[in-house]
Amino acid sequence: MSADGTRGDRPVGVREVAERAGVSTQTVSRVINARPGIRDETRERVQQAIAELGYRVNNAARSLGTRRSRTLGVIASDATLYGPSVGIAALEAAARARGMWMATAYADAADEASVDEALDHLLAQGVDGVILLAPHVHTLATLADRATGLPVVGMHTGAGAARQAEGAGLAVRHLAALGHRRIARLGGPPDWREEEARAEGFEAAAAACGLTVTHRWSGDWLAGAGHAVAGDAVRAMAEDGGPTAIVVANDQMALGLVAGLADAGRTVPADVSVVGFDDNPDAAHYRPALTTVRLDLAGEARRCVAEALGAESGDGVPVDARPGAPVLVVRASTAPPAS
């Protein structure tokens, strides 16, 4: 930050205001949102820091507690992946269905400063609530602390996470019903909320079905990660007691895994069954067509919007604003084990 309190071309954020005023970022947020319980002296210091640093606050939208901007803020990361990109579109549709607009700010969810800047941008627009479509497990709690006074909802948390786990369980039970007793798993990045829920559902279902999990690998959701694991998978399959099926945490990695297995001379499902997750638009056109799990992303988006607008969680959320049950889509990539 330069001597005049700016950061070059980048706007000043809540963190810089907090440092200048000698208070926490939560206190700055409470002052910005005109919340009670702040001492006059503290409020004056924060307001002075805001003036000195040129921090931009949308006072028209935030100063009157009874006014609403009819806009929800979304903090998203890596919209190149299928899940986040479809999630953004679903949130937009759910918001518009309730007469709301949506403002989206992109952030590196692994970088706290990046998330801070995204939140600052949304607060300056006077949003009525914030929905987090950024993946890391710690980000939601941090954001809720920073956005004091605003509803903060995480997509794929709560009921959404339960549906993710349920979907992973469907994949495992499908393999068990086909006669598989030894399975492996290729998961996503362990610090992603989606991976956490899908892994929990997988492990619980495997235990309930009495299956042996022979190997666990992880990747970055991309097809290249699946291809890179294929060599390990081939070696695992050759072991005594090796896996006869592999559950993959998303379709893109499953695509890479199937391709890598083919490069190594292995055939799906004759040599090993493969199940994906997401049912992306291309899954039916993989070779072989991919057995996978489809989530109700539209329903999950409706839940997030309802909660961000102040609806209570759990039983307080209308029935039509809850994600429906996941669906197992059986295609050609799964079959009974060869032996």
Protein backbone atom coordinates (compact mmCIF):
# COMPACT_ATOMS: atom_id res chain seq x y z
CA MET A 1 0.00 0.00 0.00
CA SER A 2 1.36 3.46 -0.92
CA ALA A 3 1.88 6.37 1.44
CA ASP A 4 -1.53 7.84 0.66
CA GLY A 5 -3.24 4.59 1.69
CA THR A 6 -4.00 3.25 -1.77
CA ARG A 7 -2.84 0.03 -3.42
CA GLY A 8 -2.00 1.39 -6.84
CA ASP A 9 -4.90 0.69 -9.20
CA ARG A 10 -6.53 -1.73 -6.77
CA PRO A 11 -9.35 -0.41 -4.57
CA VAL A 12 -8.84 -0.23 -0.83
CA GLY A 13 -10.54 -3.07 1.03
CA VAL A 14 -11.96 -3.72 4.48
CA ARG A 15 -8.68 -5.23 5.68
CA GLU A 16 -6.78 -1.98 5.02
CA VAL A 17 -9.50 0.05 6.76
CA ALA A 18 -9.28 -2.27 9.77
CA GLU A 19 -5.50 -1.91 9.94
CA ARG A 20 -5.70 1.89 9.73
CA ALA A 21 -8.42 2.08 12.41
CA GLY A 22 -6.79 -0.51 14.67
CA VAL A 23 -9.87 -2.74 14.77
CA SER A 24 -10.95 -6.10 13.37
CA THR A 25 -12.43 -6.57 9.92
CA GLN A 26 -15.65 -7.69 11.61
CA THR A 27 -15.89 -4.32 13.35
CA VAL A 28 -15.39 -2.50 10.06
CA SER A 29 -18.17 -4.57 8.49
CA ARG A 30 -20.50 -3.73 11.39
CA VAL A 31 -19.81 -0.04 10.94
CA ILE A 32 -20.34 -0.26 7.17
CA ASN A 33 -23.64 -2.06 7.72
CA ALA A 34 -24.75 0.41 10.42
CA ARG A 35 -25.10 -2.32 13.03
CA PRO A 36 -25.62 -1.51 16.71
CA GLY A 37 -23.21 -2.30 19.52
CA ILE A 38 -20.25 -0.23 18.28
CA ARG A 39 -18.82 2.45 20.56
CA ASP A 40 -18.96 5.98 19.17
CA GLU A 41 -15.18 6.35 19.45
CA THR A 42 -14.61 3.13 17.51
CA ARG A 43 -17.18 4.07 14.88
CA GLU A 44 -15.50 7.44 14.40
CA ARG A 45 -12.07 5.82 13.96
CA VAL A 46 -13.43 3.48 11.32
CA GLN A 47 -15.21 6.28 9.50
CA GLN A 48 -12.06 8.38 9.60
CA ALA A 49 -10.03 5.49 8.17
CA ILE A 50 -12.62 5.03 5.42
CA ALA A 51 -12.32 8.71 4.52
CA GLU A 52 -8.51 8.74 4.64
CA LEU A 53 -8.14 5.65 2.49
CA GLY A 54 -10.92 6.46 0.07
CA TYR A 55 -12.75 3.21 0.73
CA ARG A 56 -15.89 3.17 -1.41
CA VAL A 57 -19.07 2.25 0.42
CA ASN A 58 -22.50 2.09 -1.21
CA ASN A 59 -24.24 4.13 1.47
CA ALA A 60 -27.43 4.38 -0.58
CA ALA A 61 -27.97 0.67 -0.27
CA ARG A 62 -26.38 -0.04 3.12
CA SER A 63 -27.17 2.91 5.40
CA LEU A 64 -30.88 2.21 5.79
CA GLY A 65 -31.62 -1.16 7.34
CA THR A 66 -35.07 -1.28 5.76
CA ARG A 67 -33.84 -0.84 2.19
CA ARG A 68 -32.93 -3.73 -0.07
CA SER A 69 -30.96 -3.72 -3.28
CA ARG A 70 -32.77 -6.79 -4.69
CA THR A 71 -29.33 -8.14 -5.53
CA LEU A 72 -27.56 -11.22 -4.21
CA GLY A 73 -23.79 -11.48 -4.31
CA VAL A 74 -22.01 -14.66 -5.40
CA ILE A 75 -18.34 -15.36 -4.78
CA ALA A 76 -17.17 -18.01 -7.22
CA SER A 77 -13.92 -19.63 -8.23
CA ASP A 78 -12.75 -21.63 -11.24
CA ALA A 79 -15.82 -21.39 -13.46
CA THR A 80 -13.94 -23.49 -16.03
CA LEU A 81 -15.01 -26.64 -14.17
CA TYR A 82 -18.42 -28.14 -14.90
CA GLY A 83 -19.81 -27.94 -11.36
CA PRO A 84 -19.05 -24.25 -10.66
CA SER A 85 -20.09 -23.10 -14.14
CA VAL A 86 -23.45 -24.87 -13.95
CA GLY A 87 -23.85 -23.70 -10.36
CA ILE A 88 -23.54 -20.06 -11.38
CA ALA A 89 -26.18 -20.48 -14.09
CA ALA A 90 -28.51 -22.26 -11.65
CA LEU A 91 -28.09 -19.53 -9.03
CA GLU A 92 -28.85 -16.86 -11.62
CA ALA A 93 -32.07 -18.64 -12.63
CA ALA A 94 -33.12 -19.16 -9.00
CA ALA A 95 -32.46 -15.52 -8.14
CA ARG A 96 -34.40 -14.20 -11.13
CA ALA A 97 -37.32 -16.49 -10.27
CA ARG A 98 -37.60 -14.60 -6.97
CA GLY A 99 -37.29 -11.17 -8.54
CA MET A 100 -33.63 -10.78 -7.62
CA TRP A 101 -30.52 -9.89 -9.57
CA MET A 102 -27.17 -11.53 -9.06
CA ALA A 103 -23.74 -9.93 -8.87
CA THR A 104 -20.82 -12.34 -9.26
CA ALA A 105 -17.27 -11.75 -8.08
CA TYR A 106 -14.55 -14.26 -8.86
CA ALA A 107 -11.85 -15.08 -6.33
CA ASP A 108 -9.04 -17.52 -5.67
CA ALA A 109 -10.66 -19.42 -2.81
CA ALA A 110 -7.26 -20.50 -1.49
CA ASP A 111 -6.18 -16.85 -1.12
CA GLU A 112 -7.83 -15.03 1.79
CA ALA A 113 -6.93 -11.62 0.36
CA SER A 114 -8.61 -12.52 -2.94
CA VAL A 115 -11.80 -13.53 -1.12
CA ASP A 116 -11.64 -10.30 0.91
CA GLU A 117 -11.47 -8.24 -2.26
CA ALA A 118 -14.40 -10.11 -3.79
CA LEU A 119 -16.47 -9.51 -0.67
CA ASP A 120 -15.50 -5.83 -0.61
CA HIS A 121 -16.69 -5.53 -4.20
CA LEU A 122 -20.06 -7.09 -3.36
CA LEU A 123 -20.54 -5.06 -0.17
CA ALA A 124 -19.94 -1.89 -2.16
CA GLN A 125 -22.87 -2.89 -4.36
CA GLY A 126 -25.15 -3.21 -1.34
CA VAL A 127 -26.05 -6.86 -1.83
CA ASP A 128 -28.76 -8.36 0.38
CA GLY A 129 -26.90 -11.63 0.95
CA VAL A 130 -23.86 -13.56 -0.17
CA ILE A 131 -23.69 -17.06 -1.66
CA LEU A 132 -20.33 -18.79 -1.70
CA LEU A 133 -19.59 -20.97 -4.69
CA ALA A 134 -15.92 -21.17 -3.78
CA PRO A 135 -14.85 -24.63 -2.77
CA HIS A 136 -12.51 -24.60 0.21
CA VAL A 137 -13.87 -25.90 3.48
CA HIS A 138 -12.53 -23.00 5.57
CA THR A 139 -13.71 -20.17 3.32
CA LEU A 140 -17.37 -20.11 4.38
CA ALA A 141 -16.63 -19.55 8.08
CA THR A 142 -14.12 -16.82 7.26
CA LEU A 143 -16.58 -15.10 4.96
CA ALA A 144 -19.40 -15.25 7.51
CA ASP A 145 -17.16 -13.50 10.05
CA ARG A 146 -16.31 -10.78 7.55
CA ALA A 147 -19.82 -10.14 6.23
CA THR A 148 -21.30 -9.32 9.64
CA GLY A 149 -25.01 -8.57 9.40
CA LEU A 150 -25.54 -10.26 6.03
CA PRO A 151 -26.82 -13.77 5.37
CA VAL A 152 -23.96 -15.92 4.05
CA VAL A 153 -24.80 -19.27 2.46
CA GLY A 154 -22.48 -21.89 1.03
CA MET A 155 -23.55 -23.90 -1.98
CA HIS A 156 -23.21 -27.66 -1.40
CA THR A 157 -23.32 -27.24 2.39
CA GLY A 158 -26.05 -28.46 4.72
CA ALA A 159 -28.76 -30.18 2.69
CA GLY A 160 -26.60 -29.77 -0.40
CA ALA A 161 -23.70 -31.64 1.19
CA ALA A 162 -26.06 -34.39 2.30
CA ARG A 163 -27.20 -34.86 -1.29
CA GLN A 164 -23.57 -35.04 -2.45
CA ALA A 165 -22.88 -37.79 0.08
CA GLU A 166 -26.09 -39.58 -0.88
CA GLY A 167 -25.05 -39.50 -4.54
CA ALA A 168 -21.68 -41.05 -3.77
CA GLY A 169 -23.47 -43.77 -1.86
CA LEU A 170 -25.63 -44.54 -4.90
CA ALA A 171 -22.51 -45.20 -6.95
CA VAL A 172 -21.10 -47.60 -4.35
CA ARG A 173 -24.36 -49.50 -3.88
CA HIS A 174 -24.72 -49.85 -7.65
CA LEU A 175 -21.32 -51.56 -7.82
CA ALA A 176 -22.15 -53.77 -4.85
CA ALA A 177 -25.39 -54.84 -6.55
CA LEU A 178 -23.38 -55.84 -9.63
CA GLY A 179 -21.27 -58.12 -7.45
CA HIS A 180 -18.14 -56.03 -6.93
CA ARG A 181 -16.47 -56.62 -3.55
CA ARG A 182 -13.20 -54.72 -4.01
CA ILE A 183 -13.30 -51.12 -5.18
CA ALA A 184 -10.98 -48.12 -5.39
CA ARG A 185 -11.63 -44.38 -5.45
CA LEU A 186 -10.20 -41.39 -7.29
CA GLY A 187 -11.20 -38.31 -5.30
CA GLY A 188 -10.91 -34.59 -5.85
CA PRO A 189 -8.79 -32.07 -3.91
CA PRO A 190 -9.24 -32.90 -0.21
CA ASP A 191 -9.85 -29.29 0.84
CA TRP A 192 -12.91 -28.90 -1.41
CA ARG A 193 -16.33 -29.12 0.24
CA GLU A 194 -17.68 -31.26 -2.60
CA GLU A 195 -14.85 -33.75 -2.17
CA GLU A 196 -15.37 -33.87 1.58
CA ALA A 197 -19.06 -34.76 1.18
CA ARG A 198 -18.53 -37.22 -1.67
CA ALA A 199 -15.73 -38.99 0.19
CA GLU A 200 -17.87 -39.31 3.32
CA GLY A 201 -20.74 -40.78 1.33
CA PHE A 202 -18.41 -43.21 -0.44
CA GLU A 203 -16.77 -44.45 2.75
CA ALA A 204 -20.06 -44.86 4.59
CA ALA A 205 -21.66 -46.81 1.76
CA ALA A 206 -18.59 -49.02 1.25
CA ALA A 207 -18.62 -49.92 4.93
CA ALA A 208 -22.38 -50.54 4.94
CA CYS A 209 -22.09 -52.83 1.90
CA GLY A 210 -19.11 -54.69 3.34
CA LEU A 211 -16.83 -53.71 0.45
CA THR A 212 -13.05 -53.51 0.63
CA VAL A 213 -11.54 -50.21 -0.50
CA THR A 214 -8.20 -51.27 -1.93
CA HIS A 215 -6.77 -47.93 -3.08
CA ARG A 216 -7.48 -44.22 -2.72
CA TRP A 217 -6.06 -41.59 -5.08
CA SER A 218 -6.75 -37.88 -5.49
CA GLY A 219 -6.71 -35.44 -8.40
CA ASP A 220 -7.58 -31.87 -9.34
CA TRP A 221 -10.94 -32.58 -11.05
CA LEU A 222 -9.39 -32.37 -14.55
CA ALA A 223 -9.19 -35.18 -17.10
CA GLY A 224 -5.40 -35.06 -16.96
CA ALA A 225 -5.48 -36.13 -13.32
CA GLY A 226 -7.50 -39.21 -14.21
CA HIS A 227 -5.13 -40.09 -17.03
CA ALA A 228 -2.15 -39.70 -14.67
CA VAL A 229 -3.67 -42.14 -12.17
CA ALA A 230 -4.34 -44.80 -14.81
CA GLY A 231 -0.88 -46.34 -14.46
CA ASP A 232 -1.34 -46.76 -10.72
CA ALA A 233 -4.79 -48.20 -11.35
CA VAL A 234 -3.42 -50.79 -13.80
CA ARG A 235 -0.82 -51.90 -11.25
CA ALA A 236 -3.47 -52.07 -8.54
CA MET A 237 -5.73 -54.20 -10.74
CA ALA A 238 -2.86 -56.65 -11.30
CA GLU A 239 -2.38 -57.23 -7.57
CA ASP A 240 -3.95 -60.16 -5.78
CA GLY A 241 -7.13 -58.72 -4.32
CA GLY A 242 -6.96 -55.65 -6.57
CA PRO A 243 -10.02 -53.51 -7.36
CA THR A 244 -12.60 -54.58 -9.92
CA ALA A 245 -14.27 -51.15 -9.98
CA ILE A 246 -13.23 -47.52 -9.48
CA VAL A 247 -15.48 -44.72 -8.24
CA VAL A 248 -14.33 -41.33 -9.54
CA ALA A 249 -15.34 -38.04 -7.89
CA ASN A 250 -16.29 -36.32 -11.14
CA ASP A 251 -16.87 -37.10 -14.80
CA GLN A 252 -13.87 -35.21 -16.15
CA MET A 253 -11.39 -37.27 -14.16
CA ALA A 254 -13.32 -40.40 -15.12
CA LEU A 255 -12.88 -39.47 -18.78
CA GLY A 256 -9.12 -39.21 -18.31
CA LEU A 257 -8.97 -42.44 -16.34
CA VAL A 258 -10.84 -44.41 -19.01
CA ALA A 259 -8.56 -42.98 -21.70
CA GLY A 260 -5.46 -43.83 -19.67
CA LEU A 261 -6.66 -47.36 -19.07
CA ALA A 262 -7.26 -47.77 -22.81
CA ASP A 263 -3.73 -46.52 -23.51
CA ALA A 264 -2.48 -49.26 -21.17
CA GLY A 265 -4.50 -51.93 -22.98
CA ARG A 266 -7.28 -52.19 -20.39
CA THR A 267 -10.95 -52.12 -21.34
CA VAL A 268 -13.84 -50.59 -19.38
CA PRO A 269 -15.95 -52.34 -18.14
CA ALA A 270 -14.51 -55.74 -19.16
CA ASP A 271 -11.38 -55.27 -17.03
CA VAL A 272 -12.68 -52.73 -14.52
CA SER A 273 -15.91 -50.79 -14.01
CA VAL A 274 -15.79 -46.99 -13.70
CA VAL A 275 -18.43 -44.67 -12.19
CA GLY A 276 -18.29 -40.88 -12.44
CA PHE A 277 -20.17 -38.05 -10.75
CA ASP A 278 -22.01 -34.97 -12.15
CA ASP A 279 -23.58 -36.35 -15.35
CA ASN A 280 -22.06 -33.57 -17.42
CA PRO A 281 -23.52 -33.10 -20.91
CA ASP A 282 -20.75 -35.17 -22.53
CA ALA A 283 -20.94 -38.17 -20.20
CA ALA A 284 -23.38 -40.05 -22.43
CA HIS A 285 -20.94 -39.69 -25.33
CA TYR A 286 -17.82 -41.02 -23.62
CA ARG A 287 -16.56 -44.36 -24.87
CA PRO A 288 -17.93 -46.28 -23.14
CA ALA A 289 -20.87 -44.10 -22.12
CA LEU A 290 -20.28 -43.23 -18.47
CA THR A 291 -22.34 -44.46 -15.55
CA THR A 292 -22.55 -41.45 -13.26
CA VAL A 293 -24.56 -39.55 -10.64
CA ARG A 294 -26.73 -36.52 -11.38
CA LEU A 295 -27.38 -33.89 -8.70
CA ASP A 296 -30.35 -31.53 -8.53
CA LEU A 297 -28.29 -28.35 -8.98
CA ALA A 298 -31.39 -26.27 -9.70
CA GLY A 299 -32.88 -27.32 -6.36
CA GLU A 300 -29.63 -26.63 -4.53
CA ALA A 301 -29.53 -23.17 -6.10
CA ARG A 302 -33.11 -22.50 -4.95
CA ARG A 303 -32.11 -23.50 -1.40
CA CYS A 304 -29.16 -21.13 -1.42
CA VAL A 305 -31.22 -18.22 -2.69
CA ALA A 306 -33.99 -18.88 -0.15
CA GLU A 307 -31.51 -18.94 2.74
CA ALA A 308 -29.64 -15.89 1.46
CA LEU A 309 -32.94 -14.01 1.44
CA GLY A 310 -33.42 -14.80 5.11
CA ALA A 311 -35.34 -18.09 5.08
CA GLU A 312 -34.48 -20.37 7.98
CA SER A 313 -32.42 -23.43 7.28
CA GLY A 314 -33.72 -26.96 7.64
CA ASP A 315 -37.48 -27.18 8.09
CA GLY A 316 -37.79 -23.43 7.58
CA VAL A 317 -36.85 -23.72 3.91
CA PRO A 318 -39.86 -24.28 1.62
CA VAL A 319 -40.14 -27.76 0.14
CA ASP A 320 -39.64 -26.38 -3.37
CA ALA A 321 -36.40 -24.74 -2.23
CA ARG A 322 -34.63 -27.94 -1.24
CA PRO A 323 -32.43 -30.04 -3.52
CA GLY A 324 -34.09 -33.20 -4.75
CA ALA A 325 -32.56 -36.64 -4.41
CA PRO A 326 -29.55 -37.48 -6.60
CA VAL A 327 -30.09 -39.88 -9.49
CA LEU A 328 -27.86 -42.74 -10.59
CA VAL A 329 -27.57 -42.75 -14.39
CA VAL A 330 -26.53 -46.26 -15.46
CA ARG A 331 -24.72 -46.50 -18.78
CA ALA A 332 -22.09 -48.77 -20.33
CA SER A 333 -19.06 -48.21 -18.08
CA THR A 334 -20.20 -50.59 -15.34
CA ALA A 335 -20.81 -54.34 -15.42
CA PRO A 336 -20.43 -57.34 -13.10
CA PRO A 337 -16.79 -58.17 -12.30
CA ALA A 338 -15.06 -60.59 -14.65
CA SER A 339 -13.96 -62.80 -11.79
